[in-house]
PDB file of N, CA and C in Angstrom:
ATOM      1  N   MET A   1     106.968  79.505 107.382  1.00  0.00           N
ATOM      2  CA  MET A   1     108.060  79.559 106.867  1.00  0.00           C
ATOM      3  C   MET A   1     108.149  80.591 105.404  1.00  0.00           C
ATOM      4  N   LYS A   2     109.134  81.040 105.994  1.00  0.00           N
ATOM      5  CA  LYS A   2     109.552  82.398 105.405  1.00  0.00           C
ATOM      6  C   LYS A   2     110.475  82.236 104.384  1.00  0.00           C
ATOM      7  N   THR A   3     110.154  82.586 103.109  1.00  0.00           N
ATOM      8  CA  THR A   3     111.018  82.152 101.409  1.00  0.00           C
ATOM      9  C   THR A   3     111.453  83.512 101.365  1.00  0.00           C
ATOM     10  N   ASP A   4     113.335  83.377 100.446  1.00  0.00           N
ATOM     11  CA  ASP A   4     113.437  84.628  99.599  1.00  0.00           C
ATOM     12  C   ASP A   4     112.000  85.430  98.214  1.00  0.00           C
ATOM     13  N   PRO A   5     112.464  86.684  98.668  1.00  0.00           N
ATOM     14  CA  PRO A   5     111.948  86.847  97.321  1.00  0.00           C
ATOM     15  C   PRO A   5     112.704  86.603  95.967  1.00  0.00           C
ATOM     16  N   LEU A   6     111.834  86.187  95.062  1.00  0.00           N
ATOM     17  CA  LEU A   6     112.302  85.915  93.544  1.00  0.00           C
ATOM     18  C   LEU A   6     113.110  86.831  93.274  1.00  0.00           C
ATOM     19  N   VAL A   7     114.659  86.917  92.624  1.00  0.00           N
ATOM     20  CA  VAL A   7     115.401  87.743  91.965  1.00  0.00           C
ATOM     21  C   VAL A   7     115.785  87.765  90.729  1.00  0.00           C
ATOM     22  N   THR A   8     115.642  88.719  90.356  1.00  0.00           N
ATOM     23  CA  THR A   8     116.020  88.714  88.888  1.00  0.00           C
ATOM     24  C   THR A   8     117.029  87.749  87.996  1.00  0.00           C
ATOM     25  N   PRO A   9     117.430  87.231  87.096  1.00  0.00           N
ATOM     26  CA  PRO A   9     118.876  86.679  86.399  1.00  0.00           C
ATOM     27  C   PRO A   9     119.926  87.331  86.930  1.00  0.00           C
ATOM     28  N   ASP A  10     118.957  88.326  86.414  1.00  0.00           N
ATOM     29  CA  ASP A  10     120.549  89.505  86.354  1.00  0.00           C
ATOM     30  C   ASP A  10     121.114  90.614  87.635  1.00  0.00           C
ATOM     31  N   GLY A  11     119.759  90.033  88.401  1.00  0.00           N
ATOM     32  CA  GLY A  11     120.627  90.388  90.006  1.00  0.00           C
ATOM     33  C   GLY A  11     120.136  91.938  90.196  1.00  0.00           C
ATOM     34  N   ARG A  12     119.066  92.655  89.396  1.00  0.00           N
ATOM     35  CA  ARG A  12     119.233  94.059  89.671  1.00  0.00           C
ATOM     36  C   ARG A  12     117.517  94.404  89.832  1.00  0.00           C
ATOM     37  N   TYR A  13     116.613  93.166  89.817  1.00  0.00           N
ATOM     38  CA  TYR A  13     115.547  93.560  90.369  1.00  0.00           C
ATOM     39  C   TYR A  13     114.652  92.518  91.287  1.00  0.00           C
ATOM     40  N   VAL A  14     114.196  92.576  92.507  1.00  0.00           N
ATOM     41  CA  VAL A  14     113.457  91.230  93.546  1.00  0.00           C
ATOM     42  C   VAL A  14     111.974  91.842  92.447  1.00  0.00           C
ATOM     43  N   VAL A  15     111.319  90.446  92.627  1.00  0.00           N
ATOM     44  CA  VAL A  15     109.951  90.721  92.780  1.00  0.00           C
ATOM     45  C   VAL A  15     108.933  90.429  94.201  1.00  0.00           C
ATOM     46  N   VAL A  16     108.205  90.942  94.336  1.00  0.00           N
ATOM     47  CA  VAL A  16     107.788  91.328  95.088  1.00  0.00           C
ATOM     48  C   VAL A  16     105.821  91.622  94.720  1.00  0.00           C
ATOM     49  N   ARG A  17     105.426  90.569  94.869  1.00  0.00           N
ATOM     50  CA  ARG A  17     104.075  90.646  95.040  1.00  0.00           C
ATOM     51  C   ARG A  17     103.823  90.839  93.924  1.00  0.00           C
ATOM     52  N   GLY A  18     104.904  90.039  92.464  1.00  0.00           N
ATOM     53  CA  GLY A  18     103.875  90.373  91.154  1.00  0.00           C
ATOM     54  C   GLY A  18     104.732  92.084  90.597  1.00  0.00           C
ATOM     55  N   ARG A  19     105.283  92.806  91.297  1.00  0.00           N
ATOM     56  CA  ARG A  19     105.878  93.939  91.432  1.00  0.00           C
ATOM     57  C   ARG A  19     107.675  94.172  90.831  1.00  0.00           C
ATOM     58  N   LEU A  20     108.287  94.594  90.218  1.00  0.00           N
ATOM     59  CA  LEU A  20     109.663  94.798  89.973  1.00  0.00           C
ATOM     60  C   LEU A  20     110.033  96.004  91.108  1.00  0.00           C
ATOM     61  N   TRP A  21     111.188  95.370  91.691  1.00  0.00           N
ATOM     62  CA  TRP A  21     111.708  96.355  92.563  1.00  0.00           C
ATOM     63  C   TRP A  21     113.435  96.521  92.311  1.00  0.00           C
ATOM     64  N   ARG A  22     114.373  97.446  91.797  1.00  0.00           N
ATOM     65  CA  ARG A  22     115.343  97.747  92.158  1.00  0.00           C
ATOM     66  C   ARG A  22     116.084  97.790  92.823  1.00  0.00           C
ATOM     67  N   ARG A  23     116.888  96.577  92.697  1.00  0.00           N
ATOM     68  CA  ARG A  23     118.076  96.168  94.186  1.00  0.00           C
ATOM     69  C   ARG A  23     119.316  97.194  93.874  1.00  0.00           C
ATOM     70  N   SER A  24     120.071  97.044  94.984  1.00  0.00           N
ATOM     71  CA  SER A  24     121.617  97.484  95.061  1.00  0.00           C
ATOM     72  C   SER A  24     122.040  96.741  93.865  1.00  0.00           C
ATOM     73  N   ASP A  25     123.283  97.738  93.178  1.00  0.00           N
ATOM     74  CA  ASP A  25     123.660  96.782  92.160  1.00  0.00           C
ATOM     75  C   ASP A  25     125.025  95.898  92.697  1.00  0.00           C
ATOM     76  N   PRO A  26     124.326  95.005  91.536  1.00  0.00           N
ATOM     77  CA  PRO A  26     125.616  93.867  92.702  1.00  0.00           C
ATOM     78  C   PRO A  26     126.695  93.350  92.089  1.00  0.00           C
ATOM     79  N   ARG A  27     127.239  94.878  91.070  1.00  0.00           N
ATOM     80  CA  ARG A  27     128.784  94.275  91.390  1.00  0.00           C
ATOM     81  C   ARG A  27     129.062  95.347  92.568  1.00  0.00           C
ATOM     82  N   LEU A  28     128.585  96.278  93.945  1.00  0.00           N
ATOM     83  CA  LEU A  28     128.995  96.482  94.732  1.00  0.00           C
ATOM     84  C   LEU A  28     129.792  95.334  95.327  1.00  0.00           C
ATOM     85  N   SER A  29     130.917  95.968  95.907  1.00  0.00           N
ATOM     86  CA  SER A  29     131.461  94.764  97.110  1.00  0.00           C
ATOM     87  C   SER A  29     130.671  94.900  98.597  1.00  0.00           C
ATOM     88  N   ASP A  30     131.196  94.213  99.176  1.00  0.00           N
ATOM     89  CA  ASP A  30     129.169  94.580 100.399  1.00  0.00           C
ATOM     90  C   ASP A  30     129.963  95.060 101.344  1.00  0.00           C
ATOM     91  N   ALA A  31     131.838  95.834 101.347  1.00  0.00           N
ATOM     92  CA  ALA A  31     131.462  97.001 102.237  1.00  0.00           C
ATOM     93  C   ALA A  31     131.073  98.053 101.382  1.00  0.00           C
ATOM     94  N   GLN A  32     131.340  98.406 100.183  1.00  0.00           N
ATOM     95  CA  GLN A  32     130.154  99.436  99.518  1.00  0.00           C
ATOM     96  C   GLN A  32     129.270  99.511  99.682  1.00  0.00           C
ATOM     97  N   ARG A  33     128.416  98.632  99.000  1.00  0.00           N
ATOM     98  CA  ARG A  33     127.238  98.431  99.183  1.00  0.00           C
ATOM     99  C   ARG A  33     127.025  99.355 100.757  1.00  0.00           C
ATOM    100  N   GLN A  34     127.954  98.769 101.761  1.00  0.00           N
ATOM    101  CA  GLN A  34     127.158  98.930 103.350  1.00  0.00           C
ATOM    102  C   GLN A  34     127.440 100.351 104.230  1.00  0.00           C
ATOM    103  N   GLU A  35     128.662 101.125 103.174  1.00  0.00           N
ATOM    104  CA  GLU A  35     129.239 102.375 103.595  1.00  0.00           C
ATOM    105  C   GLU A  35     128.069 103.090 102.399  1.00  0.00           C
ATOM    106  N   LEU A  36     127.587 103.200 101.541  1.00  0.00           N
ATOM    107  CA  LEU A  36     126.593 103.551 100.541  1.00  0.00           C
ATOM    108  C   LEU A  36     124.434 103.380 101.852  1.00  0.00           C
ATOM    109  N   VAL A  37     124.812 102.067 102.215  1.00  0.00           N
ATOM    110  CA  VAL A  37     123.099 102.208 103.148  1.00  0.00           C
ATOM    111  C   VAL A  37     123.722 102.871 103.890  1.00  0.00           C
ATOM    112  N   ASP A  38     124.905 103.076 104.950  1.00  0.00           N
ATOM    113  CA  ASP A  38     124.420 103.548 106.051  1.00  0.00           C
ATOM    114  C   ASP A  38     124.144 105.051 105.707  1.00  0.00           C
ATOM    115  N   ARG A  39     125.091 105.955 104.490  1.00  0.00           N
ATOM    116  CA  ARG A  39     124.752 106.976 103.976  1.00  0.00           C
ATOM    117  C   ARG A  39     123.089 107.268 103.989  1.00  0.00           C
ATOM    118  N   LEU A  40     122.722 105.822 103.173  1.00  0.00           N
ATOM    119  CA  LEU A  40     121.042 106.199 102.720  1.00  0.00           C
ATOM    120  C   LEU A  40     120.446 106.975 104.116  1.00  0.00           C
ATOM    121  N   MET A  41     120.857 105.674 105.019  1.00  0.00           N
ATOM    122  CA  MET A  41     120.064 105.761 106.599  1.00  0.00           C
ATOM    123  C   MET A  41     120.133 107.493 107.119  1.00  0.00           C
ATOM    124  N   ASN A  42     121.321 107.911 107.267  1.00  0.00           N
ATOM    125  CA  ASN A  42     121.589 108.786 107.896  1.00  0.00           C
ATOM    126  C   ASN A  42     120.981 109.874 107.143  1.00  0.00           C
ATOM    127  N   ALA A  43     121.257 110.265 105.430  1.00  0.00           N
ATOM    128  CA  ALA A  43     119.880 110.758 104.790  1.00  0.00           C
ATOM    129  C   ALA A  43     118.637 110.921 105.286  1.00  0.00           C
ATOM    130  N   ARG A  44     117.630 109.650 105.330  1.00  0.00           N
ATOM    131  CA  ARG A  44     117.302 109.361 106.195  1.00  0.00           C
ATOM    132  C   ARG A  44     116.645 110.157 107.387  1.00  0.00           C
ATOM    133  N   ARG A  45     117.883 109.490 108.164  1.00  0.00           N
ATOM    134  CA  ARG A  45     116.960 110.626 109.714  1.00  0.00           C
ATOM    135  C   ARG A  45     117.404 112.265 109.261  1.00  0.00           C
ATOM    136  N   ALA A  46     118.211 112.551 108.670  1.00  0.00           N
ATOM    137  CA  ALA A  46     117.800 113.878 108.435  1.00  0.00           C
ATOM    138  C   ALA A  46     116.286 114.467 107.812  1.00  0.00           C
ATOM    139  N   VAL A  47     116.036 113.774 106.757  1.00  0.00           N
ATOM    140  CA  VAL A  47     115.453 113.970 106.232  1.00  0.00           C
ATOM    141  C   VAL A  47     113.221 114.069 107.422  1.00  0.00           C
ATOM    142  N   GLY A  48     113.265 112.967 108.344  1.00  0.00           N
ATOM    143  CA  GLY A  48     113.031 112.849 109.147  1.00  0.00           C
ATOM    144  C   GLY A  48     112.643 113.948 110.507  1.00  0.00           C
ATOM    145  N   ARG A  49     113.935 114.482 110.868  1.00  0.00           N
ATOM    146  CA  ARG A  49     114.857 115.715 111.724  1.00  0.00           C
ATOM    147  C   ARG A  49     114.190 116.808 110.783  1.00  0.00           C
ATOM    148  N   ALA A  50     114.301 117.086 109.538  1.00  0.00           N
ATOM    149  CA  ALA A  50     113.919 118.120 109.291  1.00  0.00           C
ATOM    150  C   ALA A  50     112.024 118.264 108.812  1.00  0.00           C
ATOM    151  N   LEU A  51     111.973 117.355 108.910  1.00  0.00           N
ATOM    152  CA  LEU A  51     110.322 116.937 108.354  1.00  0.00           C
ATOM    153  C   LEU A  51     109.534 117.736 110.500  1.00  0.00           C
ATOM    154  N   ARG A  52     110.318 116.956 111.439  1.00  0.00           N
ATOM    155  CA  ARG A  52     109.844 117.746 113.141  1.00  0.00           C
ATOM    156  C   ARG A  52     110.368 118.690 113.229  1.00  0.00           C
ATOM    157  N   CYS A  53     111.502 119.261 112.750  1.00  0.00           N
ATOM    158  CA  CYS A  53     111.725 120.735 113.299  1.00  0.00           C
ATOM    159  C   CYS A  53     111.694 122.102 112.759  1.00  0.00           C
ATOM    160  N   ASP A  54     112.160 121.459 111.246  1.00  0.00           N
ATOM    161  CA  ASP A  54     112.502 122.858 110.209  1.00  0.00           C
ATOM    162  C   ASP A  54     112.707 122.586 108.804  1.00  0.00           C
ATOM    163  N   GLY A  55     111.639 122.941 108.057  1.00  0.00           N
ATOM    164  CA  GLY A  55     111.725 122.154 106.183  1.00  0.00           C
ATOM    165  C   GLY A  55     112.880 123.115 106.096  1.00  0.00           C
ATOM    166  N   GLY A  56     113.397 123.734 106.653  1.00  0.00           N
ATOM    167  CA  GLY A  56     114.389 124.883 105.743  1.00  0.00           C
ATOM    168  C   GLY A  56     115.623 124.048 105.367  1.00  0.00           C
ATOM    169  N   ASN A  57     115.983 122.492 105.999  1.00  0.00           N
ATOM    170  CA  ASN A  57     117.057 121.322 105.495  1.00  0.00           C
ATOM    171  C   ASN A  57     116.637 120.363 104.577  1.00  0.00           C
ATOM    172  N   LEU A  58     114.959 120.219 104.625  1.00  0.00           N
ATOM    173  CA  LEU A  58     114.311 118.844 103.762  1.00  0.00           C
ATOM    174  C   LEU A  58     114.988 119.011 102.580  1.00  0.00           C
ATOM    175  N   SER A  59     115.118 119.818 101.902  1.00  0.00           N
ATOM    176  CA  SER A  59     115.276 120.018 100.251  1.00  0.00           C
ATOM    177  C   SER A  59     116.606 119.178 100.126  1.00  0.00           C
ATOM    178  N   ASP A  60     117.907 119.699 101.554  1.00  0.00           N
ATOM    179  CA  ASP A  60     118.907 119.124 101.337  1.00  0.00           C
ATOM    180  C   ASP A  60     119.266 117.950 101.474  1.00  0.00           C
ATOM    181  N   ALA A  61     118.313 117.634 102.895  1.00  0.00           N
ATOM    182  CA  ALA A  61     118.123 116.106 103.348  1.00  0.00           C
ATOM    183  C   ALA A  61     117.148 115.021 102.092  1.00  0.00           C
ATOM    184  N   ARG A  62     116.591 115.740 101.372  1.00  0.00           N
ATOM    185  CA  ARG A  62     115.466 114.763 100.351  1.00  0.00           C
ATOM    186  C   ARG A  62     116.815 114.295  98.810  1.00  0.00           C
ATOM    187  N   ALA A  63     117.810 115.553  99.140  1.00  0.00           N
ATOM    188  CA  ALA A  63     119.002 115.509  97.865  1.00  0.00           C
ATOM    189  C   ALA A  63     119.870 114.316  98.312  1.00  0.00           C
ATOM    190  N   GLN A  64     120.195 114.031  99.486  1.00  0.00           N
ATOM    191  CA  GLN A  64     121.302 113.656 100.325  1.00  0.00           C
ATOM    192  C   GLN A  64     120.553 111.960  99.902  1.00  0.00           C
ATOM    193  N   VAL A  65     119.311 111.506  99.990  1.00  0.00           N
ATOM    194  CA  VAL A  65     118.600 110.308  99.866  1.00  0.00           C
ATOM    195  C   VAL A  65     118.850 110.169  98.333  1.00  0.00           C
ATOM    196  N   ASP A  66     118.379 110.871  97.957  1.00  0.00           N
ATOM    197  CA  ASP A  66     118.412 110.757  96.593  1.00  0.00           C
ATOM    198  C   ASP A  66     119.739 110.363  95.761  1.00  0.00           C
ATOM    199  N   ALA A  67     120.411 111.044  96.090  1.00  0.00           N
ATOM    200  CA  ALA A  67     122.071 110.692  96.395  1.00  0.00           C
ATOM    201  C   ALA A  67     122.578 109.846  96.797  1.00  0.00           C
ATOM    202  N   ALA A  68     122.485 109.128  97.350  1.00  0.00           N
ATOM    203  CA  ALA A  68     122.923 107.762  98.256  1.00  0.00           C
ATOM    204  C   ALA A  68     121.773 106.944  97.209  1.00  0.00           C
ATOM    205  N   LYS A  69     120.954 107.147  96.953  1.00  0.00           N
ATOM    206  CA  LYS A  69     119.919 105.657  96.045  1.00  0.00           C
ATOM    207  C   LYS A  69     120.235 105.457  94.916  1.00  0.00           C
ATOM    208  N   THR A  70     121.275 106.837  93.708  1.00  0.00           N
ATOM    209  CA  THR A  70     121.668 106.755  92.919  1.00  0.00           C
ATOM    210  C   THR A  70     122.707 105.930  92.597  1.00  0.00           C
ATOM    211  N   ALA A  71     123.766 106.236  94.358  1.00  0.00           N
ATOM    212  CA  ALA A  71     124.949 105.555  94.084  1.00  0.00           C
ATOM    213  C   ALA A  71     124.747 104.178  94.463  1.00  0.00           C
ATOM    214  N   LEU A  72     123.743 103.789  95.287  1.00  0.00           N
ATOM    215  CA  LEU A  72     123.185 102.745  95.200  1.00  0.00           C
ATOM    216  C   LEU A  72     123.102 101.610  93.817  1.00  0.00           C
ATOM    217  N   GLY A  73     122.637 102.276  93.358  1.00  0.00           N
ATOM    218  CA  GLY A  73     121.822 101.618  91.870  1.00  0.00           C
ATOM    219  C   GLY A  73     120.502 101.817  92.019  1.00  0.00           C
ATOM    220  N   GLU A  74     119.790 102.210  92.688  1.00  0.00           N
ATOM    221  CA  GLU A  74     118.483 101.967  92.890  1.00  0.00           C
ATOM    222  C   GLU A  74     117.964 102.843  92.612  1.00  0.00           C
ATOM    223  N   ARG A  75     118.474 103.710  91.981  1.00  0.00           N
ATOM    224  CA  ARG A  75     117.680 105.015  91.080  1.00  0.00           C
ATOM    225  C   ARG A  75     118.581 105.245  89.897  1.00  0.00           C
ATOM    226  N   GLY A  76     117.790 106.062  88.572  1.00  0.00           N
ATOM    227  CA  GLY A  76     118.344 106.287  87.660  1.00  0.00           C
ATOM    228  C   GLY A  76     119.207 105.463  86.251  1.00  0.00           C
ATOM    229  N   PRO A  77     119.485 105.454  85.706  1.00  0.00           N
ATOM    230  CA  PRO A  77     119.896 104.197  85.013  1.00  0.00           C
ATOM    231  C   PRO A  77     120.555 103.086  85.103  1.00  0.00           C
ATOM    232  N   VAL A  78     119.812 101.604  84.610  1.00  0.00           N
ATOM    233  CA  VAL A  78     120.203 100.944  85.111  1.00  0.00           C
ATOM    234  C   VAL A  78     121.813 100.370  84.547  1.00  0.00           C
TER     235      VAL A  78
END
């Protein structure tokens, strides 16, 4: 039986094996969050392509990942 992970009362963190992890900003609408998650996944795929093919685009791809995670609220100021 799988249980949902413990979430802090403010909804900003999830507790996994005793460690806090940032979650997406709970103030984002479902549509906004999904758009940002899609951008994040595209950026992660770009990192993979850059690692396999050419390292020249790697810094750009990683910057896109960082921008998407910051927009989601998973990085940067709380």
